Amino acid sequence: MSAIDHYINAIIVRGMAEARDDGSSAVEAHHLLMGIAAHEGTAAHRVLAAAGLGPEAVRRALDREFEHSLSTVGVSPAAYDLPRPTPDPKRSLKLGASARLALDRAFAAATGKRDLRPAHLLMGVLEAEVGTVPRALALAGLDRTELHTRARATLATETW
């Protein structure tokens, strides 16, 4: 396996762990974002870190998005003592639509698999115009387009 294969596998495995922990039935783009934020040593990680998006900050943004989404239908998580989801280690998780689209966009942004780098995967996640990731970033006061521009800029100067 090439370095990018190992990287993508690591991000998907981390995404599966995140999905399992939050009780999701599939790995979605926001789980991949959590994996990218936690995987140090890449340009994608540095772009997120420079914007203040370490793993904890991404988790806070996603939690805020969840609370905001519930509030739009009149539900306040603070009003209830909701238990944490119980992870099911036996549950087989597949890639959800948003994760598959993020991967498709990452591959499309590269000029072939040999060109594919971690920044492409981050760009694939950030290119979603609707969904959990754009809502979470907006609620955190971050400009998704600016993050995408920063990720793209790393492609010209960084090999990994």
N, C-alpha and C. Protein backbone atom coordinates (compact mmCIF):
# COMPACT_ATOMS: atom_id res chain seq x y z
N MET A 1 0.84 -1.19 0.00
CA MET A 1 0.00 0.00 0.00
C MET A 1 0.88 1.24 0.00
N SER A 2 0.43 2.26 -0.72
CA SER A 2 1.16 3.52 -0.78
C SER A 2 0.89 4.34 0.48
N ALA A 3 1.63 5.42 0.64
CA ALA A 3 1.44 6.30 1.80
C ALA A 3 0.03 6.87 1.83
N ILE A 4 -0.50 7.26 0.67
CA ILE A 4 -1.85 7.83 0.65
C ILE A 4 -2.89 6.76 0.98
N ASP A 5 -2.67 5.53 0.58
CA ASP A 5 -3.58 4.45 0.95
C ASP A 5 -3.60 4.27 2.46
N HIS A 6 -2.42 4.30 3.08
CA HIS A 6 -2.34 4.18 4.55
C HIS A 6 -3.06 5.34 5.21
N TYR A 7 -2.84 6.54 4.66
CA TYR A 7 -3.47 7.74 5.23
C TYR A 7 -4.99 7.64 5.14
N ILE A 8 -5.51 7.36 3.96
CA ILE A 8 -6.96 7.27 3.78
C ILE A 8 -7.54 6.18 4.68
N ASN A 9 -6.86 5.06 4.76
CA ASN A 9 -7.31 3.99 5.64
C ASN A 9 -7.34 4.47 7.09
N ALA A 10 -6.30 5.16 7.52
CA ALA A 10 -6.25 5.67 8.90
C ALA A 10 -7.39 6.64 9.17
N ILE A 11 -7.69 7.51 8.21
CA ILE A 11 -8.77 8.47 8.39
C ILE A 11 -10.12 7.76 8.44
N ILE A 12 -10.32 6.76 7.60
CA ILE A 12 -11.58 6.01 7.62
C ILE A 12 -11.71 5.21 8.92
N VAL A 13 -10.63 4.59 9.36
CA VAL A 13 -10.67 3.84 10.63
C VAL A 13 -11.00 4.78 11.78
N ARG A 14 -10.36 5.95 11.81
CA ARG A 14 -10.66 6.93 12.85
C ARG A 14 -12.11 7.40 12.72
N GLY A 15 -12.56 7.62 11.49
CA GLY A 15 -13.94 8.01 11.26
C GLY A 15 -14.91 6.96 11.76
N MET A 16 -14.57 5.69 11.57
CA MET A 16 -15.42 4.60 12.08
C MET A 16 -15.50 4.64 13.60
N ALA A 17 -14.38 4.89 14.23
CA ALA A 17 -14.37 4.98 15.70
C ALA A 17 -15.24 6.15 16.17
N GLU A 18 -15.12 7.28 15.48
CA GLU A 18 -15.94 8.45 15.82
C GLU A 18 -17.43 8.14 15.61
N ALA A 19 -17.75 7.52 14.49
CA ALA A 19 -19.15 7.17 14.20
C ALA A 19 -19.69 6.20 15.24
N ARG A 20 -18.91 5.22 15.58
CA ARG A 20 -19.33 4.23 16.58
C ARG A 20 -19.56 4.91 17.94
N ASP A 21 -18.64 5.82 18.30
CA ASP A 21 -18.76 6.52 19.59
C ASP A 21 -20.01 7.39 19.67
N ASP A 22 -20.40 7.99 18.54
CA ASP A 22 -21.59 8.85 18.62
C ASP A 22 -22.87 8.13 18.21
N GLY A 23 -22.79 6.81 18.04
CA GLY A 23 -23.98 6.02 17.78
C GLY A 23 -24.49 6.10 16.35
N SER A 24 -23.66 6.59 15.44
CA SER A 24 -24.08 6.71 14.04
C SER A 24 -24.13 5.34 13.38
N SER A 25 -24.96 5.25 12.36
CA SER A 25 -25.08 3.99 11.63
C SER A 25 -24.15 3.94 10.43
N ALA A 26 -23.49 5.08 10.11
CA ALA A 26 -22.57 5.14 8.98
C ALA A 26 -21.49 6.18 9.26
N VAL A 27 -20.38 6.06 8.57
CA VAL A 27 -19.31 7.04 8.65
C VAL A 27 -19.64 8.15 7.66
N GLU A 28 -19.74 9.37 8.17
CA GLU A 28 -20.09 10.51 7.32
C GLU A 28 -18.91 11.48 7.25
N ALA A 29 -19.06 12.52 6.46
CA ALA A 29 -17.97 13.48 6.23
C ALA A 29 -17.47 14.11 7.53
N HIS A 30 -18.36 14.37 8.47
CA HIS A 30 -17.91 14.99 9.72
C HIS A 30 -17.03 14.02 10.52
N HIS A 31 -17.24 12.72 10.37
CA HIS A 31 -16.36 11.75 11.03
C HIS A 31 -14.99 11.76 10.37
N LEU A 32 -14.96 11.92 9.04
CA LEU A 32 -13.67 12.03 8.34
C LEU A 32 -12.94 13.30 8.77
N LEU A 33 -13.68 14.39 8.94
CA LEU A 33 -13.07 15.64 9.41
C LEU A 33 -12.43 15.44 10.77
N MET A 34 -13.10 14.71 11.64
CA MET A 34 -12.51 14.41 12.96
C MET A 34 -11.21 13.63 12.79
N GLY A 35 -11.21 12.67 11.87
CA GLY A 35 -10.00 11.89 11.62
C GLY A 35 -8.87 12.74 11.07
N ILE A 36 -9.18 13.64 10.15
CA ILE A 36 -8.16 14.52 9.58
C ILE A 36 -7.58 15.42 10.66
N ALA A 37 -8.45 15.96 11.52
CA ALA A 37 -8.00 16.85 12.59
C ALA A 37 -7.10 16.13 13.59
N ALA A 38 -7.30 14.84 13.75
CA ALA A 38 -6.51 14.08 14.73
C ALA A 38 -5.23 13.50 14.15
N HIS A 39 -5.11 13.48 12.83
CA HIS A 39 -3.96 12.84 12.18
C HIS A 39 -2.86 13.87 11.93
N GLU A 40 -1.91 13.94 12.82
CA GLU A 40 -0.85 14.94 12.75
C GLU A 40 0.16 14.62 11.65
N GLY A 41 0.89 15.66 11.25
CA GLY A 41 1.98 15.47 10.32
C GLY A 41 1.64 15.65 8.86
N THR A 42 0.45 16.18 8.56
CA THR A 42 0.07 16.39 7.16
C THR A 42 -0.30 17.86 6.96
N ALA A 43 -0.28 18.28 5.71
CA ALA A 43 -0.69 19.64 5.38
C ALA A 43 -2.15 19.86 5.77
N ALA A 44 -2.99 18.84 5.58
CA ALA A 44 -4.41 18.95 5.95
C ALA A 44 -4.55 19.24 7.43
N HIS A 45 -3.80 18.54 8.25
CA HIS A 45 -3.85 18.77 9.69
C HIS A 45 -3.37 20.18 10.02
N ARG A 46 -2.31 20.62 9.35
CA ARG A 46 -1.77 21.96 9.62
C ARG A 46 -2.76 23.05 9.24
N VAL A 47 -3.51 22.86 8.15
CA VAL A 47 -4.53 23.84 7.75
C VAL A 47 -5.59 23.95 8.84
N LEU A 48 -6.05 22.81 9.33
CA LEU A 48 -7.06 22.82 10.38
C LEU A 48 -6.51 23.42 11.67
N ALA A 49 -5.31 23.02 12.04
CA ALA A 49 -4.70 23.51 13.28
C ALA A 49 -4.50 25.03 13.23
N ALA A 50 -4.09 25.54 12.08
CA ALA A 50 -3.88 26.99 11.93
C ALA A 50 -5.19 27.76 12.11
N ALA A 51 -6.30 27.11 11.82
CA ALA A 51 -7.62 27.73 11.99
C ALA A 51 -8.19 27.46 13.39
N GLY A 52 -7.39 26.82 14.24
CA GLY A 52 -7.85 26.50 15.59
C GLY A 52 -8.74 25.27 15.65
N LEU A 53 -8.65 24.43 14.64
CA LEU A 53 -9.50 23.25 14.56
C LEU A 53 -8.73 21.97 14.87
N GLY A 54 -8.36 21.82 16.13
CA GLY A 54 -7.84 20.54 16.58
C GLY A 54 -9.01 19.61 16.82
N PRO A 55 -8.74 18.38 17.20
CA PRO A 55 -9.83 17.42 17.42
C PRO A 55 -10.90 17.90 18.41
N GLU A 56 -10.48 18.54 19.48
CA GLU A 56 -11.45 19.00 20.48
C GLU A 56 -12.32 20.13 19.92
N ALA A 57 -11.70 21.04 19.17
CA ALA A 57 -12.45 22.16 18.59
C ALA A 57 -13.44 21.65 17.53
N VAL A 58 -13.03 20.66 16.75
CA VAL A 58 -13.95 20.08 15.76
C VAL A 58 -15.11 19.42 16.49
N ARG A 59 -14.83 18.69 17.55
CA ARG A 59 -15.89 18.03 18.33
C ARG A 59 -16.85 19.07 18.90
N ARG A 60 -16.31 20.17 19.45
CA ARG A 60 -17.19 21.23 19.99
C ARG A 60 -18.07 21.83 18.89
N ALA A 61 -17.47 22.06 17.72
CA ALA A 61 -18.24 22.62 16.60
C ALA A 61 -19.36 21.66 16.18
N LEU A 62 -19.05 20.38 16.13
CA LEU A 62 -20.06 19.39 15.75
C LEU A 62 -21.15 19.27 16.81
N ASP A 63 -20.76 19.34 18.09
CA ASP A 63 -21.75 19.30 19.17
C ASP A 63 -22.67 20.53 19.10
N ARG A 64 -22.06 21.68 18.81
CA ARG A 64 -22.86 22.90 18.69
C ARG A 64 -23.84 22.78 17.51
N GLU A 65 -23.37 22.22 16.40
CA GLU A 65 -24.24 22.03 15.24
C GLU A 65 -25.40 21.11 15.60
N PHE A 66 -25.13 20.04 16.34
CA PHE A 66 -26.17 19.11 16.75
C PHE A 66 -27.22 19.82 17.61
N GLU A 67 -26.75 20.58 18.59
CA GLU A 67 -27.67 21.32 19.45
C GLU A 67 -28.48 22.34 18.65
N HIS A 68 -27.82 23.03 17.74
CA HIS A 68 -28.50 24.03 16.91
C HIS A 68 -29.56 23.36 16.04
N SER A 69 -29.22 22.22 15.43
CA SER A 69 -30.18 21.51 14.59
C SER A 69 -31.40 21.07 15.39
N LEU A 70 -31.17 20.58 16.59
CA LEU A 70 -32.30 20.18 17.44
C LEU A 70 -33.15 21.39 17.83
N SER A 71 -32.49 22.52 18.09
CA SER A 71 -33.23 23.71 18.52
C SER A 71 -34.15 24.23 17.42
N THR A 72 -33.80 23.99 16.16
CA THR A 72 -34.66 24.45 15.07
C THR A 72 -36.01 23.74 15.04
N VAL A 73 -36.08 22.58 15.69
CA VAL A 73 -37.35 21.87 15.78
C VAL A 73 -37.90 21.92 17.20
N GLY A 74 -37.36 22.83 18.00
CA GLY A 74 -37.90 23.06 19.33
C GLY A 74 -37.41 22.14 20.42
N VAL A 75 -36.31 21.45 20.19
CA VAL A 75 -35.77 20.53 21.20
C VAL A 75 -34.48 21.11 21.75
N SER A 76 -34.38 21.15 23.06
CA SER A 76 -33.17 21.63 23.71
C SER A 76 -32.52 20.46 24.45
N PRO A 77 -31.33 20.04 23.99
CA PRO A 77 -30.66 18.94 24.70
C PRO A 77 -30.39 19.27 26.17
N ALA A 78 -30.23 20.55 26.48
CA ALA A 78 -29.97 20.95 27.87
C ALA A 78 -31.19 20.68 28.76
N ALA A 79 -32.37 20.60 28.17
CA ALA A 79 -33.59 20.35 28.95
C ALA A 79 -33.75 18.89 29.34
N TYR A 80 -32.93 18.04 28.75
CA TYR A 80 -33.03 16.60 29.02
C TYR A 80 -31.68 16.07 29.45
N ASP A 81 -31.73 15.05 30.25
CA ASP A 81 -30.50 14.39 30.67
C ASP A 81 -30.29 13.20 29.74
N LEU A 82 -29.86 13.53 28.51
CA LEU A 82 -29.70 12.48 27.50
C LEU A 82 -28.45 11.65 27.78
N PRO A 83 -28.59 10.35 27.73
CA PRO A 83 -27.40 9.51 27.93
C PRO A 83 -26.52 9.53 26.68
N ARG A 84 -25.26 9.25 26.87
CA ARG A 84 -24.34 9.11 25.73
C ARG A 84 -24.75 7.86 24.97
N PRO A 85 -24.57 7.85 23.66
CA PRO A 85 -24.86 6.63 22.91
C PRO A 85 -23.99 5.48 23.39
N THR A 86 -24.55 4.30 23.34
CA THR A 86 -23.79 3.12 23.71
C THR A 86 -23.16 2.55 22.45
N PRO A 87 -21.83 2.65 22.34
CA PRO A 87 -21.17 2.12 21.14
C PRO A 87 -21.39 0.61 21.01
N ASP A 88 -21.64 0.18 19.81
CA ASP A 88 -21.81 -1.24 19.54
C ASP A 88 -20.58 -1.71 18.76
N PRO A 89 -19.63 -2.35 19.44
CA PRO A 89 -18.40 -2.75 18.76
C PRO A 89 -18.62 -3.79 17.66
N LYS A 90 -19.78 -4.44 17.65
CA LYS A 90 -20.07 -5.45 16.64
C LYS A 90 -20.72 -4.85 15.39
N ARG A 91 -21.19 -3.62 15.50
CA ARG A 91 -21.87 -2.99 14.37
C ARG A 91 -20.89 -2.75 13.23
N SER A 92 -21.27 -3.20 12.08
CA SER A 92 -20.46 -2.99 10.89
C SER A 92 -20.87 -1.66 10.27
N LEU A 93 -19.95 -0.74 10.21
CA LEU A 93 -20.25 0.58 9.66
C LEU A 93 -19.76 0.68 8.22
N LYS A 94 -20.55 1.32 7.42
CA LYS A 94 -20.18 1.57 6.03
C LYS A 94 -20.02 3.07 5.85
N LEU A 95 -19.44 3.45 4.72
CA LEU A 95 -19.33 4.87 4.41
C LEU A 95 -20.69 5.40 4.01
N GLY A 96 -21.10 6.49 4.63
CA GLY A 96 -22.35 7.14 4.27
C GLY A 96 -22.17 8.01 3.03
N ALA A 97 -23.26 8.57 2.59
CA ALA A 97 -23.26 9.36 1.35
C ALA A 97 -22.30 10.54 1.41
N SER A 98 -22.29 11.27 2.52
CA SER A 98 -21.42 12.46 2.57
C SER A 98 -19.94 12.07 2.58
N ALA A 99 -19.60 10.96 3.21
CA ALA A 99 -18.19 10.51 3.20
C ALA A 99 -17.79 10.02 1.81
N ARG A 100 -18.67 9.28 1.16
CA ARG A 100 -18.37 8.82 -0.20
C ARG A 100 -18.19 10.00 -1.14
N LEU A 101 -19.06 11.00 -1.02
CA LEU A 101 -18.93 12.19 -1.86
C LEU A 101 -17.64 12.93 -1.58
N ALA A 102 -17.25 13.02 -0.31
CA ALA A 102 -16.00 13.69 0.04
C ALA A 102 -14.81 12.96 -0.59
N LEU A 103 -14.83 11.65 -0.54
CA LEU A 103 -13.75 10.87 -1.16
C LEU A 103 -13.77 11.03 -2.68
N ASP A 104 -14.95 11.02 -3.27
CA ASP A 104 -15.06 11.22 -4.72
C ASP A 104 -14.49 12.59 -5.11
N ARG A 105 -14.85 13.62 -4.35
CA ARG A 105 -14.34 14.96 -4.65
C ARG A 105 -12.83 15.04 -4.47
N ALA A 106 -12.30 14.33 -3.48
CA ALA A 106 -10.85 14.32 -3.25
C ALA A 106 -10.13 13.69 -4.44
N PHE A 107 -10.63 12.55 -4.89
CA PHE A 107 -10.01 11.88 -6.03
C PHE A 107 -10.13 12.73 -7.30
N ALA A 108 -11.26 13.41 -7.46
CA ALA A 108 -11.47 14.26 -8.64
C ALA A 108 -10.54 15.47 -8.63
N ALA A 109 -10.19 15.96 -7.44
CA ALA A 109 -9.33 17.15 -7.35
C ALA A 109 -7.88 16.83 -7.67
N ALA A 110 -7.50 15.57 -7.51
CA ALA A 110 -6.13 15.15 -7.81
C ALA A 110 -6.02 14.80 -9.29
N THR A 111 -4.81 14.90 -9.80
CA THR A 111 -4.61 14.54 -11.21
C THR A 111 -4.14 13.09 -11.33
N GLY A 112 -4.82 12.23 -10.64
CA GLY A 112 -4.47 10.82 -10.61
C GLY A 112 -4.11 10.41 -9.20
N LYS A 113 -4.16 9.14 -8.94
CA LYS A 113 -3.90 8.64 -7.58
C LYS A 113 -2.50 8.99 -7.10
N ARG A 114 -1.55 9.04 -8.00
CA ARG A 114 -0.17 9.36 -7.59
C ARG A 114 -0.06 10.78 -7.06
N ASP A 115 -0.99 11.65 -7.48
CA ASP A 115 -0.99 13.04 -7.03
C ASP A 115 -1.80 13.23 -5.74
N LEU A 116 -2.64 12.27 -5.42
CA LEU A 116 -3.55 12.40 -4.28
C LEU A 116 -2.77 12.57 -2.98
N ARG A 117 -3.17 13.59 -2.20
CA ARG A 117 -2.53 13.89 -0.92
C ARG A 117 -3.59 14.20 0.14
N PRO A 118 -3.19 14.24 1.41
CA PRO A 118 -4.15 14.52 2.47
C PRO A 118 -4.95 15.81 2.27
N ALA A 119 -4.31 16.84 1.70
CA ALA A 119 -5.04 18.09 1.48
C ALA A 119 -6.21 17.88 0.53
N HIS A 120 -6.09 16.96 -0.41
CA HIS A 120 -7.21 16.67 -1.31
C HIS A 120 -8.40 16.12 -0.52
N LEU A 121 -8.12 15.27 0.45
CA LEU A 121 -9.21 14.71 1.25
C LEU A 121 -9.89 15.81 2.06
N LEU A 122 -9.10 16.70 2.66
CA LEU A 122 -9.68 17.83 3.38
C LEU A 122 -10.52 18.68 2.44
N MET A 123 -10.01 18.95 1.25
CA MET A 123 -10.76 19.73 0.27
C MET A 123 -12.08 19.04 -0.08
N GLY A 124 -12.05 17.72 -0.23
CA GLY A 124 -13.26 16.97 -0.52
C GLY A 124 -14.31 17.11 0.56
N VAL A 125 -13.87 17.13 1.80
CA VAL A 125 -14.80 17.31 2.93
C VAL A 125 -15.34 18.74 2.93
N LEU A 126 -14.46 19.71 2.69
CA LEU A 126 -14.85 21.12 2.76
C LEU A 126 -15.71 21.57 1.58
N GLU A 127 -15.70 20.85 0.48
CA GLU A 127 -16.46 21.26 -0.69
C GLU A 127 -17.97 21.04 -0.55
N ALA A 128 -18.38 20.32 0.45
CA ALA A 128 -19.82 20.13 0.66
C ALA A 128 -20.45 21.48 0.97
N GLU A 129 -21.51 21.80 0.24
CA GLU A 129 -22.17 23.08 0.46
C GLU A 129 -23.32 22.99 1.44
N VAL A 130 -23.81 21.79 1.67
CA VAL A 130 -24.87 21.56 2.66
C VAL A 130 -24.46 20.39 3.52
N GLY A 131 -25.02 20.33 4.71
CA GLY A 131 -24.76 19.20 5.58
C GLY A 131 -24.13 19.62 6.90
N THR A 132 -23.74 18.64 7.65
CA THR A 132 -23.22 18.85 9.00
C THR A 132 -21.94 19.67 9.00
N VAL A 133 -20.98 19.35 8.14
CA VAL A 133 -19.69 20.05 8.16
C VAL A 133 -19.86 21.54 7.87
N PRO A 134 -20.53 21.94 6.78
CA PRO A 134 -20.66 23.38 6.56
C PRO A 134 -21.42 24.10 7.67
N ARG A 135 -22.45 23.45 8.22
CA ARG A 135 -23.19 24.09 9.32
C ARG A 135 -22.32 24.23 10.55
N ALA A 136 -21.56 23.19 10.89
CA ALA A 136 -20.70 23.24 12.08
C ALA A 136 -19.62 24.31 11.93
N LEU A 137 -19.01 24.39 10.76
CA LEU A 137 -17.96 25.40 10.55
C LEU A 137 -18.54 26.80 10.60
N ALA A 138 -19.72 27.00 10.02
CA ALA A 138 -20.35 28.32 10.05
C ALA A 138 -20.69 28.72 11.48
N LEU A 139 -21.23 27.79 12.25
CA LEU A 139 -21.56 28.09 13.64
C LEU A 139 -20.32 28.38 14.48
N ALA A 140 -19.19 27.81 14.08
CA ALA A 140 -17.92 28.06 14.77
C ALA A 140 -17.27 29.36 14.29
N GLY A 141 -17.91 30.03 13.33
CA GLY A 141 -17.39 31.29 12.83
C GLY A 141 -16.23 31.14 11.85
N LEU A 142 -16.16 29.97 11.21
CA LEU A 142 -15.08 29.72 10.26
C LEU A 142 -15.59 29.77 8.83
N ASP A 143 -14.75 30.25 7.97
CA ASP A 143 -15.08 30.37 6.55
C ASP A 143 -14.60 29.11 5.83
N ARG A 144 -15.54 28.27 5.45
CA ARG A 144 -15.23 27.00 4.79
C ARG A 144 -14.47 27.23 3.49
N THR A 145 -14.82 28.26 2.76
CA THR A 145 -14.15 28.57 1.50
C THR A 145 -12.70 28.97 1.75
N GLU A 146 -12.45 29.73 2.79
CA GLU A 146 -11.08 30.12 3.13
C GLU A 146 -10.25 28.90 3.54
N LEU A 147 -10.83 28.00 4.30
CA LEU A 147 -10.12 26.77 4.66
C LEU A 147 -9.79 25.96 3.41
N HIS A 148 -10.74 25.88 2.49
CA HIS A 148 -10.51 25.17 1.23
C HIS A 148 -9.38 25.82 0.45
N THR A 149 -9.37 27.14 0.39
CA THR A 149 -8.32 27.88 -0.31
C THR A 149 -6.96 27.60 0.31
N ARG A 150 -6.91 27.57 1.64
CA ARG A 150 -5.65 27.26 2.33
C ARG A 150 -5.18 25.84 2.03
N ALA A 151 -6.12 24.91 2.02
CA ALA A 151 -5.77 23.52 1.72
C ALA A 151 -5.23 23.42 0.30
N ARG A 152 -5.89 24.07 -0.64
CA ARG A 152 -5.45 24.05 -2.03
C ARG A 152 -4.05 24.66 -2.16
N ALA A 153 -3.79 25.74 -1.44
CA ALA A 153 -2.49 26.41 -1.51
C ALA A 153 -1.36 25.50 -1.04
N THR A 154 -1.65 24.60 -0.12
CA THR A 154 -0.59 23.69 0.36
C THR A 154 -0.15 22.73 -0.73
N LEU A 155 -1.03 22.47 -1.69
CA LEU A 155 -0.69 21.52 -2.75
C LEU A 155 0.48 22.01 -3.60
N ALA A 156 0.64 23.32 -3.70
CA ALA A 156 1.72 23.90 -4.50
C ALA A 156 3.05 23.86 -3.78
N THR A 157 3.02 23.79 -2.45
CA THR A 157 4.27 23.91 -1.70
C THR A 157 4.63 22.70 -0.86
N GLU A 158 3.67 21.85 -0.56
CA GLU A 158 3.95 20.72 0.31
C GLU A 158 3.65 19.40 -0.39
N THR A 159 4.51 18.45 -0.17
CA THR A 159 4.30 17.15 -0.80
C THR A 159 3.43 16.25 0.07
N TRP A 160 3.31 16.54 1.31
CA TRP A 160 2.48 15.71 2.18
C TRP A 160 1.82 16.59 3.20
